[in-house]
C-alpha atoms as a PDB file:
ATOM      1  CA  MET A   1     -10.451  -4.187 -19.027  1.00  0.00           C
ATOM      2  CA  GLN A   2     -10.241  -7.167 -16.717  1.00  0.00           C
ATOM      3  CA  VAL A   3      -8.185  -6.736 -13.558  1.00  0.00           C
ATOM      4  CA  GLU A   4      -7.071  -9.774 -11.594  1.00  0.00           C
ATOM      5  CA  ILE A   5      -5.812  -9.315  -8.016  1.00  0.00           C
ATOM      6  CA  ILE A   6      -3.178 -11.928  -7.200  1.00  0.00           C
ATOM      7  CA  GLU A   7      -0.991 -12.680  -4.194  1.00  0.00           C
ATOM      8  CA  TYR A   8       2.689 -11.873  -4.090  1.00  0.00           C
ATOM      9  CA  ASP A   9       5.338 -14.317  -5.145  1.00  0.00           C
ATOM     10  CA  GLN A  10       9.103 -13.685  -5.066  1.00  0.00           C
ATOM     11  CA  GLN A  11       9.130 -13.434  -8.884  1.00  0.00           C
ATOM     12  CA  TYR A  12       7.311 -10.100  -8.492  1.00  0.00           C
ATOM     13  CA  ALA A  13       9.914  -8.459  -6.219  1.00  0.00           C
ATOM     14  CA  ALA A  14      11.378  -6.257  -8.977  1.00  0.00           C
ATOM     15  CA  ILE A  15       7.993  -4.988 -10.227  1.00  0.00           C
ATOM     16  CA  PHE A  16       6.842  -4.316  -6.646  1.00  0.00           C
ATOM     17  CA  LYS A  17       9.898  -2.097  -6.185  1.00  0.00           C
ATOM     18  CA  GLN A  18       9.629  -0.494  -9.639  1.00  0.00           C
ATOM     19  CA  LEU A  19       5.966   0.499  -9.303  1.00  0.00           C
ATOM     20  CA  ASN A  20       6.576   2.103  -5.921  1.00  0.00           C
ATOM     21  CA  LEU A  21       9.733   3.936  -6.968  1.00  0.00           C
ATOM     22  CA  GLU A  22       7.764   5.350  -9.909  1.00  0.00           C
ATOM     23  CA  TRP A  23       5.575   7.437  -7.597  1.00  0.00           C
ATOM     24  CA  LEU A  24       8.076   7.917  -4.772  1.00  0.00           C
ATOM     25  CA  ASP A  25      10.655   9.376  -7.143  1.00  0.00           C
ATOM     26  CA  LYS A  26       8.038  11.474  -8.997  1.00  0.00           C
ATOM     27  CA  TYR A  27       7.198  13.285  -5.752  1.00  0.00           C
ATOM     28  CA  SER A  28      10.780  13.228  -4.362  1.00  0.00           C
ATOM     29  CA  LEU A  29       9.663  11.095  -1.424  1.00  0.00           C
ATOM     30  CA  THR A  30      12.026   8.105  -1.686  1.00  0.00           C
ATOM     31  CA  GLU A  31      13.945   7.539   1.534  1.00  0.00           C
ATOM     32  CA  GLU A  32      15.790   4.823   3.422  1.00  0.00           C
ATOM     33  CA  ALA A  33      12.672   3.478   5.168  1.00  0.00           C
ATOM     34  CA  ASP A  34      11.046   2.899   1.754  1.00  0.00           C
ATOM     35  CA  LEU A  35      14.082   1.172   0.299  1.00  0.00           C
ATOM     36  CA  LEU A  36      14.298  -1.152   3.287  1.00  0.00           C
ATOM     37  CA  ILE A  37      10.808  -2.469   2.479  1.00  0.00           C
ATOM     38  CA  LEU A  38      11.173  -2.333  -1.313  1.00  0.00           C
ATOM     39  CA  ASN A  39      14.491  -4.187  -1.312  1.00  0.00           C
ATOM     40  CA  HIS A  40      13.234  -6.856   1.116  1.00  0.00           C
ATOM     41  CA  PRO A  41       9.459  -7.280   0.666  1.00  0.00           C
ATOM     42  CA  LYS A  42       9.447 -10.946   1.642  1.00  0.00           C
ATOM     43  CA  GLU A  43      11.356 -10.360   4.889  1.00  0.00           C
ATOM     44  CA  LYS A  44       9.690  -7.058   5.839  1.00  0.00           C
ATOM     45  CA  ILE A  45       6.090  -7.877   4.851  1.00  0.00           C
ATOM     46  CA  ILE A  46       5.397 -11.536   4.051  1.00  0.00           C
ATOM     47  CA  ASP A  47       7.605 -13.210   6.684  1.00  0.00           C
ATOM     48  CA  THR A  48       6.032 -11.070   9.434  1.00  0.00           C
ATOM     49  CA  GLY A  49       2.516 -12.249   8.552  1.00  0.00           C
ATOM     50  CA  GLY A  50       1.635  -9.524   6.071  1.00  0.00           C
ATOM     51  CA  MET A  51       0.375  -9.681   2.512  1.00  0.00           C
ATOM     52  CA  ILE A  52       1.235  -8.114  -0.821  1.00  0.00           C
ATOM     53  CA  TYR A  53      -1.347  -7.985  -3.585  1.00  0.00           C
ATOM     54  CA  LEU A  54      -0.727  -7.264  -7.240  1.00  0.00           C
ATOM     55  CA  ALA A  55      -3.128  -6.035  -9.898  1.00  0.00           C
ATOM     56  CA  LYS A  56      -2.677  -7.842 -13.190  1.00  0.00           C
ATOM     57  CA  VAL A  57      -4.069  -6.678 -16.552  1.00  0.00           C
ATOM     58  CA  ASN A  58      -3.335  -8.746 -19.685  1.00  0.00           C
ATOM     59  CA  ASN A  59      -0.573 -10.612 -17.836  1.00  0.00           C
ATOM     60  CA  ILE A  60       1.128  -7.336 -16.841  1.00  0.00           C
ATOM     61  CA  ILE A  61       1.430  -6.211 -13.216  1.00  0.00           C
ATOM     62  CA  VAL A  62       0.112  -2.639 -13.125  1.00  0.00           C
ATOM     63  CA  GLY A  63      -0.496  -2.104  -9.412  1.00  0.00           C
ATOM     64  CA  VAL A  64       0.509  -3.255  -5.932  1.00  0.00           C
ATOM     65  CA  ALA A  65      -0.543  -2.809  -2.304  1.00  0.00           C
ATOM     66  CA  ALA A  66       0.564  -4.380   0.958  1.00  0.00           C
ATOM     67  CA  LEU A  67      -0.446  -4.891   4.562  1.00  0.00           C
ATOM     68  CA  ILE A  68       2.112  -5.051   7.348  1.00  0.00           C
ATOM     69  CA  ILE A  69       0.816  -6.710  10.491  1.00  0.00           C
ATOM     70  CA  LYS A  70       1.547  -4.757  13.666  1.00  0.00           C
ATOM     71  CA  GLN A  71       0.678  -5.652  17.259  1.00  0.00           C
ATOM     72  CA  ASN A  72      -2.740  -5.726  18.948  1.00  0.00           C
ATOM     73  CA  ASN A  73      -4.850  -6.462  15.845  1.00  0.00           C
ATOM     74  CA  ILE A  74      -3.507  -3.419  14.002  1.00  0.00           C
ATOM     75  CA  CYS A  75      -2.033  -3.397  10.534  1.00  0.00           C
ATOM     76  CA  GLU A  76      -0.509  -0.789   8.276  1.00  0.00           C
ATOM     77  CA  LEU A  77      -1.422  -0.239   4.630  1.00  0.00           C
ATOM     78  CA  VAL A  78       1.828   0.318   2.736  1.00  0.00           C
ATOM     79  CA  LYS A  79       3.283   0.664  -0.732  1.00  0.00           C
ATOM     80  CA  MET A  80       0.115   1.074  -2.752  1.00  0.00           C
ATOM     81  CA  ALA A  81       0.965   2.038  -6.333  1.00  0.00           C
ATOM     82  CA  VAL A  82      -0.558   1.913  -9.794  1.00  0.00           C
ATOM     83  CA  THR A  83       1.565   2.655 -12.842  1.00  0.00           C
ATOM     84  CA  SER A  84       0.701   6.040 -14.353  1.00  0.00           C
ATOM     85  CA  SER A  85      -0.796   4.680 -17.586  1.00  0.00           C
ATOM     86  CA  PHE A  86      -3.364   2.693 -15.569  1.00  0.00           C
ATOM     87  CA  GLN A  87      -4.280   5.340 -12.984  1.00  0.00           C
ATOM     88  CA  GLY A  88      -7.881   6.533 -12.841  1.00  0.00           C
ATOM     89  CA  LYS A  89      -9.265   3.126 -13.832  1.00  0.00           C
ATOM     90  CA  GLY A  90     -10.319   1.896 -10.373  1.00  0.00           C
ATOM     91  CA  ILE A  91      -7.318  -0.346  -9.793  1.00  0.00           C
ATOM     92  CA  SER A  92      -6.313   1.284  -6.492  1.00  0.00           C
ATOM     93  CA  LYS A  93      -9.890   0.805  -5.312  1.00  0.00           C
ATOM     94  CA  LEU A  94      -9.705  -2.940  -6.098  1.00  0.00           C
ATOM     95  CA  LEU A  95      -6.367  -3.265  -4.320  1.00  0.00           C
ATOM     96  CA  LEU A  96      -7.641  -1.378  -1.281  1.00  0.00           C
ATOM     97  CA  GLU A  97     -10.814  -3.506  -1.157  1.00  0.00           C
ATOM     98  CA  LYS A  98      -8.675  -6.660  -1.231  1.00  0.00           C
ATOM     99  CA  CYS A  99      -6.463  -5.363   1.592  1.00  0.00           C
ATOM    100  CA  LEU A 100      -9.471  -4.404   3.724  1.00  0.00           C
ATOM    101  CA  SER A 101     -11.112  -7.758   3.116  1.00  0.00           C
ATOM    102  CA  LYS A 102      -7.938  -9.601   4.170  1.00  0.00           C
ATOM    103  CA  ALA A 103      -7.548  -7.396   7.247  1.00  0.00           C
ATOM    104  CA  LYS A 104     -11.103  -8.218   8.348  1.00  0.00           C
ATOM    105  CA  GLU A 105     -10.472 -11.911   7.712  1.00  0.00           C
ATOM    106  CA  LEU A 106      -7.394 -11.713   9.952  1.00  0.00           C
ATOM    107  CA  GLY A 107      -9.372 -10.049  12.753  1.00  0.00           C
ATOM    108  CA  VAL A 108      -7.645  -6.693  12.389  1.00  0.00           C
ATOM    109  CA  THR A 109      -9.493  -3.924  14.230  1.00  0.00           C
ATOM    110  CA  LYS A 110      -7.591  -0.899  12.902  1.00  0.00           C
ATOM    111  CA  ILE A 111      -5.629  -0.074   9.755  1.00  0.00           C
ATOM    112  CA  SER A 112      -3.214   2.839   9.741  1.00  0.00           C
ATOM    113  CA  LEU A 113      -1.272   4.437   6.914  1.00  0.00           C
ATOM    114  CA  PHE A 114       1.339   7.116   6.422  1.00  0.00           C
ATOM    115  CA  SER A 115       1.256   9.438   3.425  1.00  0.00           C
ATOM    116  CA  ASN A 116       2.180  12.853   2.107  1.00  0.00           C
ATOM    117  CA  ASN A 117      -0.064  15.819   1.241  1.00  0.00           C
ATOM    118  CA  GLN A 118       1.196  15.763  -2.360  1.00  0.00           C
ATOM    119  CA  LEU A 119      -0.738  12.504  -2.884  1.00  0.00           C
ATOM    120  CA  GLN A 120      -4.217  14.011  -3.008  1.00  0.00           C
ATOM    121  CA  ALA A 121      -5.748  11.301  -5.222  1.00  0.00           C
ATOM    122  CA  ALA A 122      -4.665   8.607  -2.764  1.00  0.00           C
ATOM    123  CA  ILE A 123      -5.834  10.608   0.250  1.00  0.00           C
ATOM    124  CA  GLY A 124      -9.211  11.126  -1.457  1.00  0.00           C
ATOM    125  CA  LEU A 125      -9.524   7.376  -2.024  1.00  0.00           C
ATOM    126  CA  TYR A 126      -8.692   6.636   1.608  1.00  0.00           C
ATOM    127  CA  LYS A 127     -11.352   9.127   2.743  1.00  0.00           C
ATOM    128  CA  LYS A 128     -13.962   7.432   0.498  1.00  0.00           C
ATOM    129  CA  PHE A 129     -13.231   4.183   2.334  1.00  0.00           C
ATOM    130  CA  GLY A 130     -13.680   5.840   5.736  1.00  0.00           C
ATOM    131  CA  PHE A 131     -10.087   6.530   6.745  1.00  0.00           C
ATOM    132  CA  LYS A 132      -9.813   9.522   9.086  1.00  0.00           C
ATOM    133  CA  HIS A 133      -6.905  11.910   9.601  1.00  0.00           C
ATOM    134  CA  VAL A 134      -5.072  11.509  12.904  1.00  0.00           C
ATOM    135  CA  PRO A 135      -1.987  13.329  14.227  1.00  0.00           C
ATOM    136  CA  VAL A 136       1.232  12.018  12.684  1.00  0.00           C
ATOM    137  CA  GLU A 137       2.972   9.897  15.314  1.00  0.00           C
ATOM    138  CA  ASN A 138       5.847   7.404  15.154  1.00  0.00           C
ATOM    139  CA  SER A 139       6.225   7.641  11.400  1.00  0.00           C
ATOM    140  CA  PRO A 140       9.196   5.734   9.973  1.00  0.00           C
ATOM    141  CA  PHE A 141       9.202   8.246   7.091  1.00  0.00           C
ATOM    142  CA  LYS A 142      10.782  11.717   7.284  1.00  0.00           C
ATOM    143  CA  THR A 143       8.555  12.938   4.423  1.00  0.00           C
ATOM    144  CA  CYS A 144       5.319  11.794   6.080  1.00  0.00           C
ATOM    145  CA  ASP A 145       2.937  14.649   6.882  1.00  0.00           C
ATOM    146  CA  VAL A 146      -0.307  12.649   6.776  1.00  0.00           C
ATOM    147  CA  GLN A 147      -1.432   9.778   8.960  1.00  0.00           C
ATOM    148  CA  MET A 148      -4.846   8.161   8.610  1.00  0.00           C
ATOM    149  CA  GLU A 149      -6.660   5.333  10.353  1.00  0.00           C
ATOM    150  CA  LEU A 150      -9.677   3.159   9.723  1.00  0.00           C
ATOM    151  CA  SER A 151     -11.448   1.195  12.447  1.00  0.00           C
ATOM    152  CA  LEU A 152     -12.863  -2.104  11.236  1.00  0.00           C
END
């Protein structure tokens, strides 16, 4: 299986939203803060200097991940999703590697993320990449009970 990581284009707005709602709805985590980003990815991520990456297999988008640029060389990893039929095939790892590589290229010194304890596979992946648990602070998400950070 060949996976190609490509950059976001407006034509992918619907699939970006769909892939994220797939997991958010599955775990009953969808909330207003998610929809704000998912309904306006260009304005909320791209136009503020961030990036969205998509994983493509046989011309089908099967995964997504994004970086939102914050202040002081900090960014936030957001909206990482892989459709259920392609999970467990290393696609999240490729997306995360691409995001980390871009963050380093941009001079980012710290990446943060917000998550939920139900998402143990994702949390395990973040730990493998060196993310550490920190106290949850200033989360835009009511359902967030996990915050992690990685110093670059």
